[in-house]
Structures are given as structure tokens and as C-alpha cells.
Amino acid sequence: MATPTADRDDELLIAFTTVVNRSRARLKPALEAMGITGPQADALWMLDPADGTPTMKDLAGRLHCDPSTATFLVDRLAGQGLVERVTSATDRRSKCVSLTGKGLKVRHELMRAMADHSVLASLSTTDQVAVGRLLRKALAKAED
């Protein structure tokens, strides 16, 4: 028999996963309009200009995928003019991935679409702030 704590944990994880999955499903038409796939959107998401230009290896790590998968995604994004490979400033043997001007615009459009199509968008501002605070708290505790 499940304990009350286990039931609560299960319920929370199911709700969290459902929020993510439904938000992804609602985002799909916007991604199609942008001409990108879900995995390409994930790669663009990970190319936050505030974090600098990651190496291909770093990008694969951020995406939790094999380096060959990251290469495939970058090839597709480069073909659309959204990213480019540049030589690393610290290790000339490494290639980094950088957003192009077009890539920056599409990433901004993606960020807006993600916010607009999230099931969390239907919550009040107060509730959104509370959910964000709790998620950041959980992440901080997980990093301890």
C-alpha cells in the first residue's frame, strides 16, 4: 500500500509531467509556423546569449543527448541560418555554436510562444509568481 507521502509525490510528478507535455503539445503549431521541430526548439532554448557560446560538447550536455544528435540539430539550424559554428576563443580545436541575427529573432519568438502556449499562462500573475518561486526553490535544493 502506498504511503500518503508517496501518493503526494506521485500526484505532484504526474501533474508536473502533464503540464510539460500539454504545454509542448500546445506549442507545436507555433513551432511549425516557425519552421522548427521540438528538438530544434530545445537546442535554441539552450543557446541563451547570456550564457555565452557553448561548444558542441557543452550543447550536447545541456540537451542531455549524444554529441552526434547535437551535431544533427546544429546542422539543421545552421541550414536555416539560425546558428553558426565558430572557433572557440579558448580552444581553437573546439567549435562553438552561436546564434545568428535571425536565430536571435527566432529564439525570442520561441520564448514568447512558449510563455503564451504554456498551460501556466492561464494562471493569475500571483499564481505564476508562486509556481516560479517554488520551482526555483526545488531546483536550488536539488543542487545542494
C-alpha atoms as a PDB file:
ATOM      1  CA  MET A   1       0.000   0.000   0.000  1.00  0.00           C
ATOM      2  CA  ALA A   2       1.322   3.441  -0.935  1.00  0.00           C
ATOM      3  CA  THR A   3       2.112   5.889   1.824  1.00  0.00           C
ATOM      4  CA  PRO A   4       0.495   9.345   1.900  1.00  0.00           C
ATOM      5  CA  THR A   5       3.899  10.854   1.074  1.00  0.00           C
ATOM      6  CA  ALA A   6       4.364   8.531  -1.916  1.00  0.00           C
ATOM      7  CA  ASP A   7       0.839   9.319  -3.131  1.00  0.00           C
ATOM      8  CA  ARG A   8       1.553  13.052  -2.845  1.00  0.00           C
ATOM      9  CA  ASP A   9       4.882  12.642  -4.658  1.00  0.00           C
ATOM     10  CA  ASP A  10       3.215  10.622  -7.425  1.00  0.00           C
ATOM     11  CA  GLU A  11       0.447  13.188  -7.792  1.00  0.00           C
ATOM     12  CA  LEU A  12       2.954  16.039  -7.963  1.00  0.00           C
ATOM     13  CA  LEU A  13       5.143  14.307 -10.542  1.00  0.00           C
ATOM     14  CA  ILE A  14       2.143  13.376 -12.673  1.00  0.00           C
ATOM     15  CA  ALA A  15       0.873  16.969 -12.566  1.00  0.00           C
ATOM     16  CA  PHE A  16       4.330  18.371 -13.394  1.00  0.00           C
ATOM     17  CA  THR A  17       4.829  15.974 -16.312  1.00  0.00           C
ATOM     18  CA  THR A  18       1.320  16.668 -17.601  1.00  0.00           C
ATOM     19  CA  VAL A  19       1.950  20.442 -17.516  1.00  0.00           C
ATOM     20  CA  VAL A  20       5.142  19.970 -19.547  1.00  0.00           C
ATOM     21  CA  ASN A  21       3.564  17.570 -22.053  1.00  0.00           C
ATOM     22  CA  ARG A  22       0.414  19.639 -22.589  1.00  0.00           C
ATOM     23  CA  SER A  23       2.462  22.810 -22.952  1.00  0.00           C
ATOM     24  CA  ARG A  24       4.623  21.089 -25.583  1.00  0.00           C
ATOM     25  CA  ALA A  25       1.529  19.908 -27.461  1.00  0.00           C
ATOM     26  CA  ARG A  26       0.032  23.412 -27.395  1.00  0.00           C
ATOM     27  CA  LEU A  27       3.331  24.848 -28.654  1.00  0.00           C
ATOM     28  CA  LYS A  28       3.570  22.525 -31.667  1.00  0.00           C
ATOM     29  CA  PRO A  29       1.574  24.716 -34.129  1.00  0.00           C
ATOM     30  CA  ALA A  30       3.738  27.723 -33.241  1.00  0.00           C
ATOM     31  CA  LEU A  31       6.893  25.667 -33.860  1.00  0.00           C
ATOM     32  CA  GLU A  32       5.527  24.546 -37.218  1.00  0.00           C
ATOM     33  CA  ALA A  33       4.863  28.186 -38.122  1.00  0.00           C
ATOM     34  CA  MET A  34       8.485  28.998 -37.212  1.00  0.00           C
ATOM     35  CA  GLY A  35       9.699  26.051 -39.293  1.00  0.00           C
ATOM     36  CA  ILE A  36      11.402  24.258 -36.405  1.00  0.00           C
ATOM     37  CA  THR A  37      10.891  20.960 -34.625  1.00  0.00           C
ATOM     38  CA  GLY A  38      10.605  20.335 -30.894  1.00  0.00           C
ATOM     39  CA  PRO A  39      14.220  19.142 -30.612  1.00  0.00           C
ATOM     40  CA  GLN A  40      15.415  22.178 -32.600  1.00  0.00           C
ATOM     41  CA  ALA A  41      13.417  24.404 -30.237  1.00  0.00           C
ATOM     42  CA  ASP A  42      15.133  22.702 -27.299  1.00  0.00           C
ATOM     43  CA  ALA A  43      18.521  23.490 -28.844  1.00  0.00           C
ATOM     44  CA  LEU A  44      17.570  27.131 -29.450  1.00  0.00           C
ATOM     45  CA  TRP A  45      16.322  27.338 -25.859  1.00  0.00           C
ATOM     46  CA  MET A  46      19.731  26.140 -24.633  1.00  0.00           C
ATOM     47  CA  LEU A  47      21.549  28.774 -26.690  1.00  0.00           C
ATOM     48  CA  ASP A  48      20.863  31.588 -24.242  1.00  0.00           C
ATOM     49  CA  PRO A  49      23.041  34.543 -25.311  1.00  0.00           C
ATOM     50  CA  ALA A  50      23.521  35.408 -21.621  1.00  0.00           C
ATOM     51  CA  ASP A  51      25.354  32.079 -21.168  1.00  0.00           C
ATOM     52  CA  GLY A  52      27.885  32.679 -23.957  1.00  0.00           C
ATOM     53  CA  THR A  53      28.519  30.386 -26.895  1.00  0.00           C
ATOM     54  CA  PRO A  54      28.745  26.737 -25.855  1.00  0.00           C
ATOM     55  CA  THR A  55      30.977  24.201 -27.507  1.00  0.00           C
ATOM     56  CA  MET A  56      29.239  21.411 -29.360  1.00  0.00           C
ATOM     57  CA  LYS A  57      30.136  19.119 -26.436  1.00  0.00           C
ATOM     58  CA  ASP A  58      28.623  21.560 -23.932  1.00  0.00           C
ATOM     59  CA  LEU A  59      25.460  21.882 -26.012  1.00  0.00           C
ATOM     60  CA  ALA A  60      25.096  18.084 -26.110  1.00  0.00           C
ATOM     61  CA  GLY A  61      25.468  18.075 -22.327  1.00  0.00           C
ATOM     62  CA  ARG A  62      22.830  20.779 -21.903  1.00  0.00           C
ATOM     63  CA  LEU A  63      20.467  18.824 -24.139  1.00  0.00           C
ATOM     64  CA  HIS A  64      21.297  15.527 -22.387  1.00  0.00           C
ATOM     65  CA  CYS A  65      21.935  13.900 -25.736  1.00  0.00           C
ATOM     66  CA  ASP A  66      24.674  12.226 -27.686  1.00  0.00           C
ATOM     67  CA  PRO A  67      27.115  14.605 -29.434  1.00  0.00           C
ATOM     68  CA  SER A  68      26.010  13.203 -32.811  1.00  0.00           C
ATOM     69  CA  THR A  69      22.435  14.254 -32.034  1.00  0.00           C
ATOM     70  CA  ALA A  70      23.608  17.758 -31.151  1.00  0.00           C
ATOM     71  CA  THR A  71      25.555  17.853 -34.423  1.00  0.00           C
ATOM     72  CA  PHE A  72      22.423  16.812 -36.331  1.00  0.00           C
ATOM     73  CA  LEU A  73      20.366  19.577 -34.667  1.00  0.00           C
ATOM     74  CA  VAL A  74      23.042  22.218 -35.245  1.00  0.00           C
ATOM     75  CA  ASP A  75      23.346  21.158 -38.897  1.00  0.00           C
ATOM     76  CA  ARG A  76      19.595  21.684 -39.360  1.00  0.00           C
ATOM     77  CA  LEU A  77      19.587  25.019 -37.524  1.00  0.00           C
ATOM     78  CA  ALA A  78      22.627  26.185 -39.491  1.00  0.00           C
ATOM     79  CA  GLY A  79      20.874  25.206 -42.714  1.00  0.00           C
ATOM     80  CA  GLN A  80      18.044  27.545 -41.740  1.00  0.00           C
ATOM     81  CA  GLY A  81      20.501  30.338 -40.966  1.00  0.00           C
ATOM     82  CA  LEU A  82      19.687  30.310 -37.248  1.00  0.00           C
ATOM     83  CA  VAL A  83      23.104  29.308 -35.882  1.00  0.00           C
ATOM     84  CA  GLU A  84      26.692  29.173 -36.988  1.00  0.00           C
ATOM     85  CA  ARG A  85      29.724  27.270 -35.831  1.00  0.00           C
ATOM     86  CA  VAL A  86      32.594  29.436 -34.670  1.00  0.00           C
ATOM     87  CA  THR A  87      36.044  28.550 -33.427  1.00  0.00           C
ATOM     88  CA  SER A  88      36.343  28.632 -29.654  1.00  0.00           C
ATOM     89  CA  ALA A  89      38.276  31.631 -28.348  1.00  0.00           C
ATOM     90  CA  THR A  90      39.911  29.461 -25.673  1.00  0.00           C
ATOM     91  CA  ASP A  91      40.496  26.224 -27.612  1.00  0.00           C
ATOM     92  CA  ARG A  92      40.988  26.552 -31.353  1.00  0.00           C
ATOM     93  CA  ARG A  93      40.302  22.800 -31.737  1.00  0.00           C
ATOM     94  CA  SER A  94      36.731  23.224 -30.486  1.00  0.00           C
ATOM     95  CA  LYS A  95      33.744  24.580 -32.325  1.00  0.00           C
ATOM     96  CA  CYS A  96      31.163  26.688 -30.547  1.00  0.00           C
ATOM     97  CA  VAL A  97      27.564  27.306 -31.548  1.00  0.00           C
ATOM     98  CA  SER A  98      26.438  30.892 -31.914  1.00  0.00           C
ATOM     99  CA  LEU A  99      23.033  32.300 -32.753  1.00  0.00           C
ATOM    100  CA  THR A 100      22.879  34.423 -35.891  1.00  0.00           C
ATOM    101  CA  GLY A 101      20.815  37.620 -36.021  1.00  0.00           C
ATOM    102  CA  LYS A 102      17.962  35.581 -37.488  1.00  0.00           C
ATOM    103  CA  GLY A 103      18.493  32.957 -34.785  1.00  0.00           C
ATOM    104  CA  LEU A 104      18.209  35.592 -32.063  1.00  0.00           C
ATOM    105  CA  LYS A 105      14.892  36.739 -33.524  1.00  0.00           C
ATOM    106  CA  VAL A 106      13.532  33.200 -33.812  1.00  0.00           C
ATOM    107  CA  ARG A 107      14.710  32.379 -30.267  1.00  0.00           C
ATOM    108  CA  HIS A 108      12.907  35.468 -28.977  1.00  0.00           C
ATOM    109  CA  GLU A 109       9.771  34.409 -30.886  1.00  0.00           C
ATOM    110  CA  LEU A 110      10.155  30.909 -29.433  1.00  0.00           C
ATOM    111  CA  MET A 111      10.434  32.244 -25.876  1.00  0.00           C
ATOM    112  CA  ARG A 112       7.285  34.319 -26.358  1.00  0.00           C
ATOM    113  CA  ALA A 113       5.392  31.378 -27.889  1.00  0.00           C
ATOM    114  CA  MET A 114       6.473  29.100 -25.036  1.00  0.00           C
ATOM    115  CA  ALA A 115       5.116  31.552 -22.485  1.00  0.00           C
ATOM    116  CA  ASP A 116       1.896  32.133 -24.420  1.00  0.00           C
ATOM    117  CA  HIS A 117       1.176  28.434 -25.040  1.00  0.00           C
ATOM    118  CA  SER A 118       2.086  27.113 -21.606  1.00  0.00           C
ATOM    119  CA  VAL A 119      -0.804  25.815 -19.560  1.00  0.00           C
ATOM    120  CA  LEU A 120       0.633  28.008 -16.790  1.00  0.00           C
ATOM    121  CA  ALA A 121      -0.311  31.083 -18.838  1.00  0.00           C
ATOM    122  CA  SER A 122      -3.900  30.638 -17.670  1.00  0.00           C
ATOM    123  CA  LEU A 123      -2.882  31.190 -14.045  1.00  0.00           C
ATOM    124  CA  SER A 124      -3.065  34.586 -12.411  1.00  0.00           C
ATOM    125  CA  THR A 125       0.146  36.584 -12.142  1.00  0.00           C
ATOM    126  CA  THR A 126       0.205  35.876  -8.410  1.00  0.00           C
ATOM    127  CA  ASP A 127      -0.080  32.123  -9.015  1.00  0.00           C
ATOM    128  CA  GLN A 128       2.583  32.229 -11.744  1.00  0.00           C
ATOM    129  CA  VAL A 129       4.969  34.000  -9.366  1.00  0.00           C
ATOM    130  CA  ALA A 130       4.236  31.401  -6.669  1.00  0.00           C
ATOM    131  CA  VAL A 131       4.817  28.469  -9.040  1.00  0.00           C
ATOM    132  CA  GLY A 132       8.050  30.043 -10.284  1.00  0.00           C
ATOM    133  CA  ARG A 133       9.261  30.609  -6.723  1.00  0.00           C
ATOM    134  CA  LEU A 134       8.514  27.007  -5.755  1.00  0.00           C
ATOM    135  CA  LEU A 135      10.209  25.573  -8.856  1.00  0.00           C
ATOM    136  CA  ARG A 136      13.331  27.697  -8.268  1.00  0.00           C
ATOM    137  CA  LYS A 137      13.325  26.575  -4.618  1.00  0.00           C
ATOM    138  CA  ALA A 138      13.134  22.912  -5.657  1.00  0.00           C
ATOM    139  CA  LEU A 139      15.956  23.388  -8.160  1.00  0.00           C
ATOM    140  CA  ALA A 140      18.144  25.144  -5.599  1.00  0.00           C
ATOM    141  CA  LYS A 141      17.594  22.330  -3.075  1.00  0.00           C
ATOM    142  CA  ALA A 142      18.397  19.730  -5.744  1.00  0.00           C
ATOM    143  CA  GLU A 143      21.727  21.480  -6.419  1.00  0.00           C
ATOM    144  CA  ASP A 144      22.725  21.432  -2.729  1.00  0.00           C
END
